[in-house]
Every structure is written in structure tokens, then in C-alpha cells.
Amino acid sequence: MLAPQANRVMELGEWEERWQDKRIGFHQPEVHKMLESNIDKVLASRTGVRFFFPLCGKAVDMKWLADQGHSVVGVEISEMAVKQFFEENNMTYSEEPVPAIPGAKVYKSSEKNISLYQCDLYSFSSSIGGQFGAIWDRGSLVAINPKDREKYAALIISLMAKDCRYLLDTLLYNPELYPGPPFFVPDEQVQSLFGKSCDIEQLQSVDALTDRHRGWGLDFLTENVHLITPKSV
């Protein structure tokens, strides 16, 4: 089933063009329902949790979590997306270079504990951003080039603190009918990517097919949410 999309490649510049052209149907103006409905399982009674948002875009989920007293670190290639996040939420911010990543910048909110790194995701590491107590992955694993998934999983695992709770949103559909992104990520691959070092629990599986997806030629779309936690040694 993976074969139809195995060699599909989106260059970073193509993502930046999507932001420039406002082709950002993946952006949601409200807090994601899967995050809202599973937040208690992610927090597990913890307060002041450090959240990581890979390929964060301008997700309103980041402000929602910061408003609850958590801190947020995001990584996004599009400078436009990062600036729009702060501007649309009426937040002032500072901008500074990231010495360890040539050409990268970090944008920091003046009011909230939010830092967004504008750079290639694979340039980011725990030596730059530390490790995290939670990760919200909506539109990230499903957006990266399928051939990069092993590299992606290794990065995510390296960013997980011992108590990390990683909420992963994946999509199931017939990849013969739509080239992606978002890409098809079967449960078996979630297991092969993360199962050696982490426990994986499926929290939700819902029919997510909309008219927009029917317009892509899809006849079914299932959204699965997984809670991934490091195995205790």
C-alpha cells in the first residue's frame, strides 16, 4: 500500500510557495478536536509541560496550550507562517538568529512562553531546543516526504524526555487515489517507526471524510490518533 507514494517528494520551497499563495487548506482556525479531546491523556496531571510542535505552521493550538501555562517550541520552514501566527494572535515578538543553524531564526513571544524556529526541521535537535514532555504531531508525519520517515522518527525520539507523551495524528485512505500530501501512514508503519523504543496506544479512530477530501477523489478517510510514550528501561 505504501508503494504509490513511496517516491513522492515535496521540496521545502514548495511548502513556502503554498504559504505565499495561501494554499493552506491544512491550517485550521480552531483548536484541533483531537488535541482537545485527548489533552488530559497528554498532560497526565502535569502542569507547565514543554510542548514541541513539528512543522507547526500557525497552529492556534500553540496559543491555546500557552494560555494554559504550558511552554511551546515549534519548527516551521515558512517565515510567513511564523509571523502570521504572532500577528493574528496579537502577540509581540522578538526575532534573533540561531547560531547553531546557519540562516535560521527563532521568533519568541514577549507575553507567552512560545518560541518558533524558522528552519528545516532536520536542522533542529535536542542540543538546540532541549527535550520535551509532550509533542503534538498533526500534519507533520503525514506531510514529510515518505522516504524520510525513518529519519523523522529518529529525530522525534531524540526530542522525547523520559516522561514525554507524544500525540500523533495519522490518516488512512487509498493512496492509489490521491498522491498526497497529506500522505497515507498505516498503523503498521507507526509501529515499525516507534515500536522498538516506545509504547503505542491508539486513542481514537474516526471517519474524517469531508467534501474537500471527496474532491481529491477519496472514497474513505480515517483519522487515527496514537499516544506514544518511551518504554521505561
C-alpha atoms as a PDB file:
ATOM      1  CA  MET A   1       0.000   0.000   0.000  1.00  0.00           C
ATOM      2  CA  LEU A   2       2.914   2.377   0.584  1.00  0.00           C
ATOM      3  CA  ALA A   3       4.264   1.934  -2.929  1.00  0.00           C
ATOM      4  CA  PRO A   4       2.143   4.563  -4.756  1.00  0.00           C
ATOM      5  CA  GLN A   5       3.570   7.383  -2.604  1.00  0.00           C
ATOM      6  CA  ALA A   6       6.991   5.963  -1.766  1.00  0.00           C
ATOM      7  CA  ASN A   7       8.962   8.290  -4.030  1.00  0.00           C
ATOM      8  CA  ARG A   8       6.774  11.380  -3.740  1.00  0.00           C
ATOM      9  CA  VAL A   9       8.900  14.409  -2.847  1.00  0.00           C
ATOM     10  CA  MET A  10       7.844  17.898  -1.769  1.00  0.00           C
ATOM     11  CA  GLU A  11      10.727  20.373  -1.719  1.00  0.00           C
ATOM     12  CA  LEU A  12      10.852  22.894   1.141  1.00  0.00           C
ATOM     13  CA  GLY A  13      10.361  25.680  -1.386  1.00  0.00           C
ATOM     14  CA  GLU A  14       7.042  24.140  -2.410  1.00  0.00           C
ATOM     15  CA  TRP A  15       5.755  24.434   1.152  1.00  0.00           C
ATOM     16  CA  GLU A  16       6.868  28.062   1.287  1.00  0.00           C
ATOM     17  CA  GLU A  17       5.048  28.686  -2.015  1.00  0.00           C
ATOM     18  CA  ARG A  18       1.865  27.224  -0.544  1.00  0.00           C
ATOM     19  CA  TRP A  19       2.007  29.806   2.240  1.00  0.00           C
ATOM     20  CA  GLN A  20       2.763  32.609  -0.226  1.00  0.00           C
ATOM     21  CA  ASP A  21      -0.163  31.546  -2.436  1.00  0.00           C
ATOM     22  CA  LYS A  22      -2.465  30.993   0.577  1.00  0.00           C
ATOM     23  CA  ARG A  23      -2.919  27.331  -0.431  1.00  0.00           C
ATOM     24  CA  ILE A  24      -3.083  26.289   3.200  1.00  0.00           C
ATOM     25  CA  GLY A  25      -6.197  24.146   3.420  1.00  0.00           C
ATOM     26  CA  PHE A  26      -4.334  22.194   6.124  1.00  0.00           C
ATOM     27  CA  HIS A  27      -4.492  25.181   8.514  1.00  0.00           C
ATOM     28  CA  GLN A  28      -7.374  25.011  10.981  1.00  0.00           C
ATOM     29  CA  PRO A  29      -8.776  28.205  12.525  1.00  0.00           C
ATOM     30  CA  GLU A  30      -9.887  26.396  15.699  1.00  0.00           C
ATOM     31  CA  VAL A  31      -8.068  24.215  18.205  1.00  0.00           C
ATOM     32  CA  HIS A  32      -7.889  20.692  16.789  1.00  0.00           C
ATOM     33  CA  LYS A  33     -10.633  18.449  18.171  1.00  0.00           C
ATOM     34  CA  MET A  34      -8.243  15.516  18.555  1.00  0.00           C
ATOM     35  CA  LEU A  35      -5.992  17.612  20.786  1.00  0.00           C
ATOM     36  CA  GLU A  36      -8.904  18.953  22.829  1.00  0.00           C
ATOM     37  CA  SER A  37     -10.444  15.542  23.385  1.00  0.00           C
ATOM     38  CA  ASN A  38      -7.143  13.888  24.370  1.00  0.00           C
ATOM     39  CA  ILE A  39      -5.385  16.684  26.248  1.00  0.00           C
ATOM     40  CA  ASP A  40      -5.893  15.048  29.661  1.00  0.00           C
ATOM     41  CA  LYS A  41      -4.116  11.904  28.464  1.00  0.00           C
ATOM     42  CA  VAL A  42      -1.250  14.012  27.102  1.00  0.00           C
ATOM     43  CA  LEU A  43      -0.869  16.098  30.255  1.00  0.00           C
ATOM     44  CA  ALA A  44      -1.337  13.154  32.664  1.00  0.00           C
ATOM     45  CA  SER A  45      -1.907  15.608  35.559  1.00  0.00           C
ATOM     46  CA  ARG A  46       1.289  17.541  34.765  1.00  0.00           C
ATOM     47  CA  THR A  47       1.457  21.339  34.723  1.00  0.00           C
ATOM     48  CA  GLY A  48       3.876  23.615  32.894  1.00  0.00           C
ATOM     49  CA  VAL A  49       4.635  20.998  30.237  1.00  0.00           C
ATOM     50  CA  ARG A  50       7.085  21.766  27.400  1.00  0.00           C
ATOM     51  CA  PHE A  51       5.323  21.029  24.096  1.00  0.00           C
ATOM     52  CA  PHE A  52       7.036  20.502  20.757  1.00  0.00           C
ATOM     53  CA  PHE A  53       5.187  21.248  17.506  1.00  0.00           C
ATOM     54  CA  PRO A  54       6.997  19.849  14.436  1.00  0.00           C
ATOM     55  CA  LEU A  55       6.061  21.698  11.222  1.00  0.00           C
ATOM     56  CA  CYS A  56       3.878  23.990  13.327  1.00  0.00           C
ATOM     57  CA  GLY A  57       2.587  26.393  10.673  1.00  0.00           C
ATOM     58  CA  LYS A  58       0.499  28.974  12.509  1.00  0.00           C
ATOM     59  CA  ALA A  59      -1.500  26.448  14.540  1.00  0.00           C
ATOM     60  CA  VAL A  60      -3.810  28.128  17.050  1.00  0.00           C
ATOM     61  CA  ASP A  61      -3.253  25.057  19.264  1.00  0.00           C
ATOM     62  CA  MET A  62       0.068  26.650  20.318  1.00  0.00           C
ATOM     63  CA  LYS A  63      -1.593  29.698  21.873  1.00  0.00           C
ATOM     64  CA  TRP A  64      -4.293  27.508  23.446  1.00  0.00           C
ATOM     65  CA  LEU A  65      -1.615  25.492  25.281  1.00  0.00           C
ATOM     66  CA  ALA A  66       0.443  28.556  26.228  1.00  0.00           C
ATOM     67  CA  ASP A  67      -2.707  30.171  27.673  1.00  0.00           C
ATOM     68  CA  GLN A  68      -2.956  27.142  29.978  1.00  0.00           C
ATOM     69  CA  GLY A  69       0.547  27.760  31.323  1.00  0.00           C
ATOM     70  CA  HIS A  70       2.495  25.356  29.114  1.00  0.00           C
ATOM     71  CA  SER A  71       5.511  26.325  27.026  1.00  0.00           C
ATOM     72  CA  VAL A  72       5.669  25.734  23.294  1.00  0.00           C
ATOM     73  CA  VAL A  73       8.528  25.272  20.855  1.00  0.00           C
ATOM     74  CA  GLY A  74       7.695  24.939  17.174  1.00  0.00           C
ATOM     75  CA  VAL A  75       9.686  24.434  13.986  1.00  0.00           C
ATOM     76  CA  GLU A  76       8.438  25.771  10.646  1.00  0.00           C
ATOM     77  CA  ILE A  77      10.149  26.451   7.311  1.00  0.00           C
ATOM     78  CA  SER A  78       7.840  29.329   6.311  1.00  0.00           C
ATOM     79  CA  GLU A  79       8.748  32.710   7.768  1.00  0.00           C
ATOM     80  CA  MET A  80       5.339  33.961   6.629  1.00  0.00           C
ATOM     81  CA  ALA A  81       3.562  31.302   8.719  1.00  0.00           C
ATOM     82  CA  VAL A  82       5.596  32.149  11.834  1.00  0.00           C
ATOM     83  CA  LYS A  83       4.969  35.889  11.544  1.00  0.00           C
ATOM     84  CA  GLN A  84       1.276  35.353  10.824  1.00  0.00           C
ATOM     85  CA  PHE A  85       0.966  33.258  13.984  1.00  0.00           C
ATOM     86  CA  PHE A  86       2.121  36.137  16.168  1.00  0.00           C
ATOM     87  CA  GLU A  87       0.304  38.839  14.212  1.00  0.00           C
ATOM     88  CA  GLU A  88      -3.041  37.021  14.043  1.00  0.00           C
ATOM     89  CA  ASN A  89      -2.910  36.362  17.783  1.00  0.00           C
ATOM     90  CA  ASN A  90      -1.946  39.996  18.540  1.00  0.00           C
ATOM     91  CA  MET A  91       1.326  38.955  20.149  1.00  0.00           C
ATOM     92  CA  THR A  92       4.524  40.963  20.094  1.00  0.00           C
ATOM     93  CA  TYR A  93       7.685  39.005  19.419  1.00  0.00           C
ATOM     94  CA  SER A  94      11.424  39.216  19.131  1.00  0.00           C
ATOM     95  CA  GLU A  95      13.495  37.767  16.308  1.00  0.00           C
ATOM     96  CA  GLU A  96      17.067  36.516  16.608  1.00  0.00           C
ATOM     97  CA  PRO A  97      19.466  34.264  14.710  1.00  0.00           C
ATOM     98  CA  VAL A  98      20.131  30.673  15.799  1.00  0.00           C
ATOM     99  CA  PRO A  99      23.942  30.386  15.910  1.00  0.00           C
ATOM    100  CA  ALA A 100      23.918  26.591  15.564  1.00  0.00           C
ATOM    101  CA  ILE A 101      21.793  26.673  12.365  1.00  0.00           C
ATOM    102  CA  PRO A 102      23.095  28.940   9.597  1.00  0.00           C
ATOM    103  CA  GLY A 103      20.300  31.109   8.200  1.00  0.00           C
ATOM    104  CA  ALA A 104      17.775  30.089  10.860  1.00  0.00           C
ATOM    105  CA  LYS A 105      15.877  32.472  13.109  1.00  0.00           C
ATOM    106  CA  VAL A 106      13.946  31.994  16.317  1.00  0.00           C
ATOM    107  CA  TYR A 107      10.877  34.100  16.998  1.00  0.00           C
ATOM    108  CA  LYS A 108       9.927  34.457  20.659  1.00  0.00           C
ATOM    109  CA  SER A 109       6.689  35.769  22.086  1.00  0.00           C
ATOM    110  CA  SER A 110       7.061  38.648  24.528  1.00  0.00           C
ATOM    111  CA  GLU A 111       3.945  37.659  26.514  1.00  0.00           C
ATOM    112  CA  LYS A 112       3.762  33.864  26.297  1.00  0.00           C
ATOM    113  CA  ASN A 113       6.274  31.053  26.537  1.00  0.00           C
ATOM    114  CA  ILE A 114       6.311  30.382  22.779  1.00  0.00           C
ATOM    115  CA  SER A 115       9.455  30.055  20.635  1.00  0.00           C
ATOM    116  CA  LEU A 116       9.188  29.262  16.932  1.00  0.00           C
ATOM    117  CA  TYR A 117      12.264  28.248  14.953  1.00  0.00           C
ATOM    118  CA  GLN A 118      12.159  29.130  11.280  1.00  0.00           C
ATOM    119  CA  CYS A 119      14.365  26.448   9.750  1.00  0.00           C
ATOM    120  CA  ASP A 120      14.464  22.999   8.169  1.00  0.00           C
ATOM    121  CA  LEU A 121      13.081  20.529  10.717  1.00  0.00           C
ATOM    122  CA  TYR A 122      16.079  18.218  10.290  1.00  0.00           C
ATOM    123  CA  SER A 123      18.443  21.036  11.308  1.00  0.00           C
ATOM    124  CA  PHE A 124      16.737  21.157  14.720  1.00  0.00           C
ATOM    125  CA  SER A 125      17.945  18.940  17.580  1.00  0.00           C
ATOM    126  CA  SER A 126      17.810  18.463  21.328  1.00  0.00           C
ATOM    127  CA  SER A 127      21.115  20.345  21.613  1.00  0.00           C
ATOM    128  CA  ILE A 128      19.272  23.417  20.286  1.00  0.00           C
ATOM    129  CA  GLY A 129      15.826  23.040  21.828  1.00  0.00           C
ATOM    130  CA  GLY A 130      16.251  20.525  24.645  1.00  0.00           C
ATOM    131  CA  GLN A 131      13.839  17.649  25.183  1.00  0.00           C
ATOM    132  CA  PHE A 132      10.096  17.800  25.598  1.00  0.00           C
ATOM    133  CA  GLY A 133       7.402  16.482  27.896  1.00  0.00           C
ATOM    134  CA  ALA A 134       4.827  16.416  25.099  1.00  0.00           C
ATOM    135  CA  ILE A 135       4.665  16.511  21.304  1.00  0.00           C
ATOM    136  CA  TRP A 136       1.619  17.290  19.172  1.00  0.00           C
ATOM    137  CA  ASP A 137       2.075  15.955  15.659  1.00  0.00           C
ATOM    138  CA  ARG A 138      -0.828  16.990  13.482  1.00  0.00           C
ATOM    139  CA  GLY A 139       0.087  17.468   9.854  1.00  0.00           C
ATOM    140  CA  SER A 140       3.774  16.706  10.322  1.00  0.00           C
ATOM    141  CA  LEU A 141       4.476  12.978   9.900  1.00  0.00           C
ATOM    142  CA  VAL A 142       1.728  12.980   7.258  1.00  0.00           C
ATOM    143  CA  ALA A 143       3.402  15.918   5.458  1.00  0.00           C
ATOM    144  CA  ILE A 144       7.058  14.916   5.311  1.00  0.00           C
ATOM    145  CA  ASN A 145       8.333  13.032   2.290  1.00  0.00           C
ATOM    146  CA  PRO A 146       7.564   9.312   2.824  1.00  0.00           C
ATOM    147  CA  LYS A 147      11.199   8.308   2.208  1.00  0.00           C
ATOM    148  CA  ASP A 148      12.260  10.493   5.193  1.00  0.00           C
ATOM    149  CA  ARG A 149      10.085   8.786   7.807  1.00  0.00           C
ATOM    150  CA  GLU A 150      12.909   6.813   9.467  1.00  0.00           C
ATOM    151  CA  LYS A 151      14.974   9.990   9.787  1.00  0.00           C
ATOM    152  CA  TYR A 152      11.929  11.853  11.101  1.00  0.00           C
ATOM    153  CA  ALA A 153      11.140   9.204  13.721  1.00  0.00           C
ATOM    154  CA  ALA A 154      14.755   9.205  14.937  1.00  0.00           C
ATOM    155  CA  LEU A 155      14.583  12.979  15.403  1.00  0.00           C
ATOM    156  CA  ILE A 156      11.280  12.834  17.263  1.00  0.00           C
ATOM    157  CA  ILE A 157      12.509  10.054  19.563  1.00  0.00           C
ATOM    158  CA  SER A 158      15.666  12.076  20.324  1.00  0.00           C
ATOM    159  CA  LEU A 159      13.475  15.014  21.387  1.00  0.00           C
ATOM    160  CA  MET A 160      11.393  12.954  23.828  1.00  0.00           C
ATOM    161  CA  ALA A 161      12.104  13.353  27.527  1.00  0.00           C
ATOM    162  CA  LYS A 162      11.650  10.229  29.673  1.00  0.00           C
ATOM    163  CA  ASP A 163       8.113  11.325  30.600  1.00  0.00           C
ATOM    164  CA  CYS A 164       7.193  12.507  27.088  1.00  0.00           C
ATOM    165  CA  ARG A 165       3.695  11.870  25.789  1.00  0.00           C
ATOM    166  CA  TYR A 166       3.590  12.149  22.008  1.00  0.00           C
ATOM    167  CA  LEU A 167       0.174  12.606  20.386  1.00  0.00           C
ATOM    168  CA  LEU A 168       0.331  11.569  16.728  1.00  0.00           C
ATOM    169  CA  ASP A 169      -2.440  12.154  14.193  1.00  0.00           C
ATOM    170  CA  THR A 170      -2.355   9.937  11.081  1.00  0.00           C
ATOM    171  CA  LEU A 171      -4.566   9.418   8.035  1.00  0.00           C
ATOM    172  CA  LEU A 172      -5.681   6.223   6.320  1.00  0.00           C
ATOM    173  CA  TYR A 173      -7.003   6.288   2.766  1.00  0.00           C
ATOM    174  CA  ASN A 174      -6.380   4.624  -0.581  1.00  0.00           C
ATOM    175  CA  PRO A 175      -3.041   6.074  -1.791  1.00  0.00           C
ATOM    176  CA  GLU A 176      -3.805   4.878  -5.328  1.00  0.00           C
ATOM    177  CA  LEU A 177      -6.451   7.620  -5.492  1.00  0.00           C
ATOM    178  CA  TYR A 178      -4.514  10.642  -4.195  1.00  0.00           C
ATOM    179  CA  PRO A 179      -0.780  11.431  -4.376  1.00  0.00           C
ATOM    180  CA  GLY A 180      -0.575  13.461  -1.130  1.00  0.00           C
ATOM    181  CA  PRO A 181       0.303  15.402   0.897  1.00  0.00           C
ATOM    182  CA  PRO A 182      -1.108  14.704   3.384  1.00  0.00           C
ATOM    183  CA  PHE A 183       0.292  11.228   2.948  1.00  0.00           C
ATOM    184  CA  PHE A 184      -1.127   7.856   3.916  1.00  0.00           C
ATOM    185  CA  VAL A 185       0.546   6.472   7.081  1.00  0.00           C
ATOM    186  CA  PRO A 186      -0.665   2.967   8.040  1.00  0.00           C
ATOM    187  CA  ASP A 187      -0.745   1.834  11.675  1.00  0.00           C
ATOM    188  CA  GLU A 188       1.849  -0.861  10.886  1.00  0.00           C
ATOM    189  CA  GLN A 189       4.316   1.833   9.921  1.00  0.00           C
ATOM    190  CA  VAL A 190       3.681   3.798  13.118  1.00  0.00           C
ATOM    191  CA  GLN A 191       4.555   0.552  14.900  1.00  0.00           C
ATOM    192  CA  SER A 192       7.716  -0.045  12.846  1.00  0.00           C
ATOM    193  CA  LEU A 193       8.908   3.570  13.269  1.00  0.00           C
ATOM    194  CA  PHE A 194       8.329   3.911  17.004  1.00  0.00           C
ATOM    195  CA  GLY A 195       7.566   0.458  18.427  1.00  0.00           C
ATOM    196  CA  LYS A 196      11.128  -0.567  19.318  1.00  0.00           C
ATOM    197  CA  SER A 197      11.673   2.242  21.810  1.00  0.00           C
ATOM    198  CA  CYS A 198       8.123   3.333  22.602  1.00  0.00           C
ATOM    199  CA  ASP A 199       4.746   2.024  23.696  1.00  0.00           C
ATOM    200  CA  ILE A 200       1.945   2.917  21.278  1.00  0.00           C
ATOM    201  CA  GLU A 201      -1.728   3.185  22.198  1.00  0.00           C
ATOM    202  CA  GLN A 202      -4.437   4.089  19.719  1.00  0.00           C
ATOM    203  CA  LEU A 203      -6.752   6.588  21.396  1.00  0.00           C
ATOM    204  CA  GLN A 204      -9.215   7.344  18.622  1.00  0.00           C
ATOM    205  CA  SER A 205     -10.175   6.288  15.118  1.00  0.00           C
ATOM    206  CA  VAL A 206     -12.782   8.394  13.329  1.00  0.00           C
ATOM    207  CA  ASP A 207     -14.292   8.762   9.880  1.00  0.00           C
ATOM    208  CA  ALA A 208     -12.871  12.100   8.710  1.00  0.00           C
ATOM    209  CA  LEU A 209     -14.089  12.161   5.089  1.00  0.00           C
ATOM    210  CA  THR A 210     -15.369  15.598   4.003  1.00  0.00           C
ATOM    211  CA  ASP A 211     -16.414  17.098   0.687  1.00  0.00           C
ATOM    212  CA  ARG A 212     -12.907  18.542   0.404  1.00  0.00           C
ATOM    213  CA  HIS A 213     -11.458  15.019   0.548  1.00  0.00           C
ATOM    214  CA  ARG A 214     -14.057  13.702  -1.899  1.00  0.00           C
ATOM    215  CA  GLY A 215     -12.777  16.419  -4.221  1.00  0.00           C
ATOM    216  CA  TRP A 216      -9.356  14.734  -4.020  1.00  0.00           C
ATOM    217  CA  GLY A 217     -11.012  11.572  -5.339  1.00  0.00           C
ATOM    218  CA  LEU A 218     -11.065   9.732  -1.986  1.00  0.00           C
ATOM    219  CA  ASP A 219     -13.869   7.361  -1.037  1.00  0.00           C
ATOM    220  CA  PHE A 220     -12.836   6.951   2.603  1.00  0.00           C
ATOM    221  CA  LEU A 221     -10.574   8.767   5.056  1.00  0.00           C
ATOM    222  CA  THR A 222      -9.912   7.554   8.580  1.00  0.00           C
ATOM    223  CA  GLU A 223      -8.120   9.728  11.120  1.00  0.00           C
ATOM    224  CA  ASN A 224      -6.257   7.838  13.829  1.00  0.00           C
ATOM    225  CA  VAL A 225      -4.742   9.313  16.976  1.00  0.00           C
ATOM    226  CA  HIS A 226      -1.953   7.499  18.779  1.00  0.00           C
ATOM    227  CA  LEU A 227      -0.369   8.144  22.169  1.00  0.00           C
ATOM    228  CA  ILE A 228       3.329   7.249  22.026  1.00  0.00           C
ATOM    229  CA  THR A 229       5.444   7.072  25.183  1.00  0.00           C
ATOM    230  CA  PRO A 230       9.061   5.993  25.758  1.00  0.00           C
ATOM    231  CA  LYS A 231       9.394   2.476  27.136  1.00  0.00           C
ATOM    232  CA  SER A 232      10.657   2.517  30.700  1.00  0.00           C
ATOM    233  CA  VAL A 233      14.123   0.970  30.838  1.00  0.00           C
END
